[in-house]
Amino acid sequence: MRELNQTYQKGTKTYTQIRSSNQGYIYEVTDSETDHIYYEVFEKRYNRRFDCISYPTEKAFGKWAWCISRGEDYKSALDIAIKRLDFLSELERAA
């Protein structure tokens, strides 16, 4: 099974994995055009067809993926992202 890349570039954005668990991931997204930083948190989803973990598409956000931004308050956004990932882990333990 192929895991997600630790870092990758798409257009002006750089995606860097900063945390992972058995249930999900947190990526820090930096836009070089605007210097804006935000976080994407999403559940770990296995794609059987391609034998890999899938990065969420736009349709996934709000369902099993979340974008967290607090303007210039990156620390607050990161804290919220970590809490969301921890919550995914708690749901798995409770199931």
N, C-alpha and C. Protein backbone atom coordinates (compact mmCIF):
# COMPACT_ATOMS: atom_id res chain seq x y z
N MET A 1 0.85 -1.18 0.00
CA MET A 1 0.00 0.00 0.00
C MET A 1 0.89 1.24 0.00
N ARG A 2 0.53 2.18 -0.84
CA ARG A 2 1.29 3.43 -0.95
C ARG A 2 0.69 4.47 -0.02
N GLU A 3 1.54 5.04 0.82
CA GLU A 3 1.14 6.10 1.75
C GLU A 3 1.17 7.45 1.04
N LEU A 4 0.65 8.46 1.71
CA LEU A 4 0.70 9.83 1.19
C LEU A 4 2.12 10.38 1.27
N ASN A 5 2.44 11.28 0.34
CA ASN A 5 3.74 11.95 0.38
C ASN A 5 3.82 12.85 1.60
N GLN A 6 5.01 12.98 2.16
CA GLN A 6 5.22 13.86 3.30
C GLN A 6 5.08 15.32 2.89
N THR A 7 5.56 15.64 1.69
CA THR A 7 5.49 17.00 1.16
C THR A 7 5.21 16.94 -0.33
N TYR A 8 4.37 17.83 -0.80
CA TYR A 8 4.18 17.95 -2.24
C TYR A 8 3.72 19.35 -2.59
N GLN A 9 3.85 19.69 -3.84
CA GLN A 9 3.54 21.03 -4.35
C GLN A 9 2.39 20.91 -5.35
N LYS A 10 1.45 21.85 -5.29
CA LYS A 10 0.37 21.94 -6.27
C LYS A 10 0.12 23.42 -6.52
N GLY A 11 0.51 23.89 -7.69
CA GLY A 11 0.40 25.31 -7.99
C GLY A 11 1.27 26.12 -7.06
N THR A 12 0.68 27.11 -6.41
CA THR A 12 1.44 27.97 -5.48
C THR A 12 1.43 27.43 -4.06
N LYS A 13 0.81 26.28 -3.84
CA LYS A 13 0.67 25.74 -2.49
C LYS A 13 1.63 24.58 -2.23
N THR A 14 2.18 24.58 -1.03
CA THR A 14 3.02 23.49 -0.56
C THR A 14 2.30 22.80 0.58
N TYR A 15 2.15 21.48 0.48
CA TYR A 15 1.47 20.67 1.48
C TYR A 15 2.52 19.86 2.23
N THR A 16 2.54 20.01 3.56
CA THR A 16 3.52 19.31 4.39
C THR A 16 2.80 18.57 5.50
N GLN A 17 2.99 17.26 5.54
CA GLN A 17 2.37 16.45 6.59
C GLN A 17 3.08 16.75 7.90
N ILE A 18 2.31 17.19 8.90
CA ILE A 18 2.93 17.52 10.19
C ILE A 18 2.53 16.55 11.29
N ARG A 19 1.49 15.76 11.05
CA ARG A 19 1.08 14.78 12.05
C ARG A 19 0.22 13.71 11.37
N SER A 20 0.33 12.49 11.89
CA SER A 20 -0.53 11.42 11.38
C SER A 20 -0.84 10.46 12.52
N SER A 21 -1.92 9.72 12.34
CA SER A 21 -2.29 8.68 13.29
C SER A 21 -2.89 7.54 12.48
N ASN A 22 -3.34 6.50 13.14
CA ASN A 22 -4.00 5.40 12.43
C ASN A 22 -5.31 5.86 11.81
N GLN A 23 -5.87 6.96 12.31
CA GLN A 23 -7.17 7.43 11.84
C GLN A 23 -7.10 8.59 10.85
N GLY A 24 -6.00 9.36 10.84
CA GLY A 24 -6.01 10.54 9.97
C GLY A 24 -4.68 11.26 9.87
N TYR A 25 -4.75 12.42 9.24
CA TYR A 25 -3.56 13.23 8.95
C TYR A 25 -3.84 14.71 9.18
N ILE A 26 -2.77 15.45 9.42
CA ILE A 26 -2.81 16.92 9.39
C ILE A 26 -1.74 17.36 8.41
N TYR A 27 -2.14 18.19 7.46
CA TYR A 27 -1.20 18.81 6.53
C TYR A 27 -1.23 20.31 6.73
N GLU A 28 -0.04 20.92 6.79
CA GLU A 28 0.07 22.37 6.79
C GLU A 28 0.16 22.79 5.33
N VAL A 29 -0.67 23.76 4.96
CA VAL A 29 -0.70 24.24 3.57
C VAL A 29 -0.22 25.69 3.57
N THR A 30 0.83 25.93 2.80
CA THR A 30 1.40 27.27 2.69
C THR A 30 1.25 27.74 1.25
N ASP A 31 0.64 28.89 1.07
CA ASP A 31 0.48 29.47 -0.26
C ASP A 31 1.57 30.51 -0.47
N SER A 32 2.49 30.25 -1.40
CA SER A 32 3.62 31.15 -1.62
C SER A 32 3.18 32.48 -2.24
N GLU A 33 2.02 32.50 -2.86
CA GLU A 33 1.52 33.72 -3.47
C GLU A 33 0.99 34.71 -2.44
N THR A 34 0.35 34.19 -1.39
CA THR A 34 -0.27 35.05 -0.38
C THR A 34 0.40 34.96 1.00
N ASP A 35 1.31 34.01 1.19
CA ASP A 35 1.95 33.73 2.48
C ASP A 35 0.95 33.25 3.53
N HIS A 36 -0.24 32.83 3.09
CA HIS A 36 -1.27 32.33 4.01
C HIS A 36 -0.95 30.88 4.38
N ILE A 37 -1.13 30.56 5.65
CA ILE A 37 -0.93 29.20 6.14
C ILE A 37 -2.25 28.71 6.74
N TYR A 38 -2.62 27.49 6.39
CA TYR A 38 -3.80 26.87 7.00
C TYR A 38 -3.56 25.37 7.10
N TYR A 39 -4.50 24.65 7.70
CA TYR A 39 -4.32 23.23 7.98
C TYR A 39 -5.48 22.44 7.41
N GLU A 40 -5.16 21.27 6.87
CA GLU A 40 -6.17 20.34 6.41
C GLU A 40 -6.06 19.08 7.25
N VAL A 41 -7.18 18.69 7.84
CA VAL A 41 -7.26 17.50 8.68
C VAL A 41 -8.23 16.56 7.99
N PHE A 42 -7.85 15.30 7.87
CA PHE A 42 -8.76 14.37 7.21
C PHE A 42 -8.54 12.95 7.69
N GLU A 43 -9.62 12.16 7.55
CA GLU A 43 -9.59 10.76 7.92
C GLU A 43 -8.70 9.99 6.95
N LYS A 44 -8.12 8.92 7.45
CA LYS A 44 -7.33 8.03 6.61
C LYS A 44 -8.31 7.17 5.80
N ARG A 45 -8.24 7.27 4.49
CA ARG A 45 -9.14 6.52 3.61
C ARG A 45 -8.31 5.69 2.63
N TYR A 46 -8.53 4.39 2.64
CA TYR A 46 -7.81 3.48 1.76
C TYR A 46 -8.54 3.36 0.43
N ASN A 47 -7.81 3.50 -0.67
CA ASN A 47 -8.35 3.37 -2.02
C ASN A 47 -7.93 2.00 -2.55
N ARG A 48 -8.86 1.04 -2.57
CA ARG A 48 -8.55 -0.33 -2.99
C ARG A 48 -8.15 -0.39 -4.46
N ARG A 49 -8.77 0.43 -5.27
CA ARG A 49 -8.50 0.40 -6.71
C ARG A 49 -7.03 0.69 -7.01
N PHE A 50 -6.45 1.67 -6.32
CA PHE A 50 -5.07 2.06 -6.57
C PHE A 50 -4.11 1.63 -5.46
N ASP A 51 -4.61 0.88 -4.47
CA ASP A 51 -3.81 0.38 -3.35
C ASP A 51 -3.01 1.49 -2.70
N CYS A 52 -3.72 2.54 -2.30
CA CYS A 52 -3.05 3.69 -1.68
C CYS A 52 -4.00 4.41 -0.73
N ILE A 53 -3.45 5.30 0.06
CA ILE A 53 -4.24 6.20 0.89
C ILE A 53 -4.60 7.40 0.00
N SER A 54 -5.83 7.84 0.07
CA SER A 54 -6.30 8.94 -0.79
C SER A 54 -6.28 10.27 -0.05
N TYR A 55 -5.81 11.30 -0.75
CA TYR A 55 -5.93 12.67 -0.25
C TYR A 55 -7.34 13.12 -0.61
N PRO A 56 -8.03 13.86 0.25
CA PRO A 56 -9.42 14.22 -0.03
C PRO A 56 -9.58 15.17 -1.22
N THR A 57 -10.68 14.99 -1.93
CA THR A 57 -11.04 15.93 -2.98
C THR A 57 -11.90 17.03 -2.37
N GLU A 58 -12.25 18.02 -3.15
CA GLU A 58 -13.08 19.13 -2.64
C GLU A 58 -14.40 18.64 -2.05
N LYS A 59 -14.98 17.60 -2.63
CA LYS A 59 -16.26 17.07 -2.15
C LYS A 59 -16.19 16.48 -0.75
N ALA A 60 -14.99 16.07 -0.31
CA ALA A 60 -14.82 15.44 1.00
C ALA A 60 -14.83 16.45 2.14
N PHE A 61 -14.50 17.71 1.84
CA PHE A 61 -14.39 18.69 2.91
C PHE A 61 -15.77 18.99 3.50
N GLY A 62 -15.81 18.88 4.83
CA GLY A 62 -17.07 19.03 5.56
C GLY A 62 -17.69 17.68 5.89
N LYS A 63 -17.19 16.61 5.25
CA LYS A 63 -17.69 15.27 5.52
C LYS A 63 -16.65 14.45 6.27
N TRP A 64 -15.50 14.21 5.63
CA TRP A 64 -14.43 13.47 6.29
C TRP A 64 -13.10 14.21 6.23
N ALA A 65 -13.16 15.46 5.81
CA ALA A 65 -11.97 16.32 5.75
C ALA A 65 -12.38 17.73 6.16
N TRP A 66 -11.45 18.45 6.81
CA TRP A 66 -11.75 19.79 7.29
C TRP A 66 -10.58 20.72 7.02
N CYS A 67 -10.89 21.95 6.64
CA CYS A 67 -9.89 22.99 6.42
C CYS A 67 -9.99 23.95 7.60
N ILE A 68 -8.87 24.22 8.26
CA ILE A 68 -8.89 25.05 9.46
C ILE A 68 -7.94 26.23 9.28
N SER A 69 -8.52 27.42 9.34
CA SER A 69 -7.75 28.65 9.18
C SER A 69 -8.23 29.67 10.19
N ARG A 70 -7.31 30.42 10.73
CA ARG A 70 -7.65 31.49 11.68
C ARG A 70 -6.91 32.76 11.29
N GLY A 71 -6.84 33.05 10.00
CA GLY A 71 -6.14 34.24 9.55
C GLY A 71 -4.67 34.18 9.91
N GLU A 72 -4.20 35.16 10.65
CA GLU A 72 -2.79 35.21 11.05
C GLU A 72 -2.50 34.37 12.30
N ASP A 73 -3.53 33.85 12.94
CA ASP A 73 -3.37 33.08 14.18
C ASP A 73 -3.13 31.61 13.85
N TYR A 74 -1.92 31.30 13.36
CA TYR A 74 -1.60 29.94 12.94
C TYR A 74 -1.59 28.96 14.11
N LYS A 75 -1.13 29.42 15.26
CA LYS A 75 -1.06 28.55 16.45
C LYS A 75 -2.45 28.06 16.85
N SER A 76 -3.40 28.96 16.85
CA SER A 76 -4.78 28.59 17.18
C SER A 76 -5.34 27.60 16.17
N ALA A 77 -5.08 27.84 14.90
CA ALA A 77 -5.56 26.93 13.85
C ALA A 77 -4.93 25.55 14.01
N LEU A 78 -3.63 25.51 14.32
CA LEU A 78 -2.97 24.23 14.53
C LEU A 78 -3.53 23.50 15.74
N ASP A 79 -3.79 24.22 16.83
CA ASP A 79 -4.38 23.61 18.02
C ASP A 79 -5.72 22.96 17.70
N ILE A 80 -6.53 23.65 16.92
CA ILE A 80 -7.84 23.12 16.53
C ILE A 80 -7.67 21.88 15.65
N ALA A 81 -6.71 21.93 14.72
CA ALA A 81 -6.45 20.80 13.83
C ALA A 81 -6.02 19.57 14.65
N ILE A 82 -5.17 19.77 15.63
CA ILE A 82 -4.72 18.66 16.48
C ILE A 82 -5.88 18.08 17.27
N LYS A 83 -6.74 18.93 17.78
CA LYS A 83 -7.92 18.45 18.52
C LYS A 83 -8.84 17.65 17.61
N ARG A 84 -8.99 18.06 16.37
CA ARG A 84 -9.83 17.34 15.41
C ARG A 84 -9.24 15.95 15.14
N LEU A 85 -7.93 15.88 14.95
CA LEU A 85 -7.28 14.59 14.72
C LEU A 85 -7.42 13.69 15.95
N ASP A 86 -7.24 14.25 17.14
CA ASP A 86 -7.42 13.49 18.38
C ASP A 86 -8.85 12.98 18.50
N PHE A 87 -9.82 13.79 18.07
CA PHE A 87 -11.22 13.39 18.11
C PHE A 87 -11.46 12.19 17.20
N LEU A 88 -10.83 12.16 16.02
CA LEU A 88 -10.95 11.01 15.12
C LEU A 88 -10.44 9.74 15.80
N SER A 89 -9.35 9.88 16.55
CA SER A 89 -8.80 8.74 17.27
C SER A 89 -9.75 8.27 18.37
N GLU A 90 -10.37 9.21 19.07
CA GLU A 90 -11.33 8.85 20.12
C GLU A 90 -12.54 8.14 19.54
N LEU A 91 -13.01 8.58 18.38
CA LEU A 91 -14.15 7.90 17.74
C LEU A 91 -13.79 6.46 17.39
N GLU A 92 -12.59 6.24 16.93
CA GLU A 92 -12.15 4.89 16.56
C GLU A 92 -12.10 4.00 17.80
N ARG A 93 -11.60 4.52 18.90
CA ARG A 93 -11.53 3.73 20.14
C ARG A 93 -12.92 3.41 20.67
N ALA A 94 -13.87 4.32 20.50
CA ALA A 94 -15.21 4.13 21.02
C ALA A 94 -16.03 3.13 20.18
N ALA A 95 -15.63 2.95 18.93
CA ALA A 95 -16.40 2.08 18.01
C ALA A 95 -16.21 0.61 18.32
